[in-house]
């Protein structure tokens, strides 16, 4: 089984509907909206993560400045 690649394409609103209809004919393409992707992420996100305020600040600082 191969892992699917994700490709994000921005389409002009006036041509979006026709483009999506065309993609639905392809059996190897799955069309997802940004909303559905976000909903799946929130649904599958871990709950009740034991992080303190200091843990969160340390992570933010690590990403911002590249160190902990």
C-alpha atoms as a PDB file:
ATOM      1  CA  UNK A   1       0.000   0.000   0.000  1.00  0.00           C
ATOM      2  CA  UNK A   2       1.344   3.404  -0.934  1.00  0.00           C
ATOM      3  CA  UNK A   3       0.943   6.506   1.168  1.00  0.00           C
ATOM      4  CA  UNK A   4      -1.019   9.222  -0.612  1.00  0.00           C
ATOM      5  CA  UNK A   5       0.550  12.554  -1.433  1.00  0.00           C
ATOM      6  CA  UNK A   6      -1.347  15.705  -0.601  1.00  0.00           C
ATOM      7  CA  UNK A   7      -1.601  18.471  -3.145  1.00  0.00           C
ATOM      8  CA  UNK A   8      -3.218  21.835  -2.457  1.00  0.00           C
ATOM      9  CA  UNK A   9      -4.548  23.696  -5.487  1.00  0.00           C
ATOM     10  CA  UNK A  10      -6.095  27.164  -5.482  1.00  0.00           C
ATOM     11  CA  UNK A  11      -8.828  27.552  -8.089  1.00  0.00           C
ATOM     12  CA  UNK A  12     -10.631  30.675  -9.269  1.00  0.00           C
ATOM     13  CA  UNK A  13     -14.109  30.696  -7.700  1.00  0.00           C
ATOM     14  CA  UNK A  14     -15.826  30.938 -11.080  1.00  0.00           C
ATOM     15  CA  UNK A  15     -14.167  27.691 -12.271  1.00  0.00           C
ATOM     16  CA  UNK A  16     -14.114  25.789  -8.969  1.00  0.00           C
ATOM     17  CA  UNK A  17     -17.359  23.847  -9.437  1.00  0.00           C
ATOM     18  CA  UNK A  18     -16.448  22.618 -12.933  1.00  0.00           C
ATOM     19  CA  UNK A  19     -12.942  21.648 -11.798  1.00  0.00           C
ATOM     20  CA  UNK A  20     -14.261  19.654  -8.824  1.00  0.00           C
ATOM     21  CA  UNK A  21     -16.775  17.859 -11.042  1.00  0.00           C
ATOM     22  CA  UNK A  22     -13.938  16.893 -13.379  1.00  0.00           C
ATOM     23  CA  UNK A  23     -11.838  15.560 -10.494  1.00  0.00           C
ATOM     24  CA  UNK A  24     -14.695  13.382  -9.246  1.00  0.00           C
ATOM     25  CA  UNK A  25     -14.390  11.319 -12.444  1.00  0.00           C
ATOM     26  CA  UNK A  26     -10.879  10.257 -11.405  1.00  0.00           C
ATOM     27  CA  UNK A  27     -10.985   7.257  -9.091  1.00  0.00           C
ATOM     28  CA  UNK A  28      -7.550   7.999  -7.617  1.00  0.00           C
ATOM     29  CA  UNK A  29      -8.420  11.530  -6.453  1.00  0.00           C
ATOM     30  CA  UNK A  30     -10.148  12.361  -3.180  1.00  0.00           C
ATOM     31  CA  UNK A  31     -11.509  15.892  -2.953  1.00  0.00           C
ATOM     32  CA  UNK A  32     -11.516  17.391   0.558  1.00  0.00           C
ATOM     33  CA  UNK A  33     -12.412  20.859   1.687  1.00  0.00           C
ATOM     34  CA  UNK A  34     -10.292  22.847   4.116  1.00  0.00           C
ATOM     35  CA  UNK A  35     -13.200  22.658   6.538  1.00  0.00           C
ATOM     36  CA  UNK A  36     -13.347  18.843   6.388  1.00  0.00           C
ATOM     37  CA  UNK A  37      -9.583  18.557   6.889  1.00  0.00           C
ATOM     38  CA  UNK A  38      -9.741  20.865   9.912  1.00  0.00           C
ATOM     39  CA  UNK A  39     -12.736  19.002  11.372  1.00  0.00           C
ATOM     40  CA  UNK A  40     -10.894  15.667  11.037  1.00  0.00           C
ATOM     41  CA  UNK A  41      -7.802  17.161  12.693  1.00  0.00           C
ATOM     42  CA  UNK A  42      -9.819  18.509  15.634  1.00  0.00           C
ATOM     43  CA  UNK A  43     -11.743  15.226  15.975  1.00  0.00           C
ATOM     44  CA  UNK A  44      -8.542  13.149  16.039  1.00  0.00           C
ATOM     45  CA  UNK A  45      -6.458  15.545  18.139  1.00  0.00           C
ATOM     46  CA  UNK A  46      -5.422  14.214  21.537  1.00  0.00           C
ATOM     47  CA  UNK A  47      -7.554  15.355  24.456  1.00  0.00           C
ATOM     48  CA  UNK A  48      -6.447  16.314  27.975  1.00  0.00           C
ATOM     49  CA  UNK A  49      -2.768  16.723  27.212  1.00  0.00           C
ATOM     50  CA  UNK A  50      -0.857  17.180  30.482  1.00  0.00           C
ATOM     51  CA  UNK A  51       0.987  20.415  29.633  1.00  0.00           C
ATOM     52  CA  UNK A  52       1.659  23.209  32.046  1.00  0.00           C
ATOM     53  CA  UNK A  53       1.811  26.869  31.110  1.00  0.00           C
ATOM     54  CA  UNK A  54       5.620  26.657  31.363  1.00  0.00           C
ATOM     55  CA  UNK A  55       5.678  23.686  28.949  1.00  0.00           C
ATOM     56  CA  UNK A  56       3.668  25.653  26.415  1.00  0.00           C
ATOM     57  CA  UNK A  57       5.884  28.745  26.762  1.00  0.00           C
ATOM     58  CA  UNK A  58       9.004  26.591  26.336  1.00  0.00           C
ATOM     59  CA  UNK A  59       7.633  25.106  23.107  1.00  0.00           C
ATOM     60  CA  UNK A  60       6.648  28.502  21.719  1.00  0.00           C
ATOM     61  CA  UNK A  61      10.096  29.886  22.530  1.00  0.00           C
ATOM     62  CA  UNK A  62      11.761  26.839  20.960  1.00  0.00           C
ATOM     63  CA  UNK A  63       9.880  27.349  17.708  1.00  0.00           C
ATOM     64  CA  UNK A  64      10.362  31.079  17.752  1.00  0.00           C
ATOM     65  CA  UNK A  65      14.060  31.146  18.621  1.00  0.00           C
ATOM     66  CA  UNK A  66      15.182  27.598  17.792  1.00  0.00           C
ATOM     67  CA  UNK A  67      16.078  26.546  21.332  1.00  0.00           C
ATOM     68  CA  UNK A  68      14.513  25.541  24.621  1.00  0.00           C
END
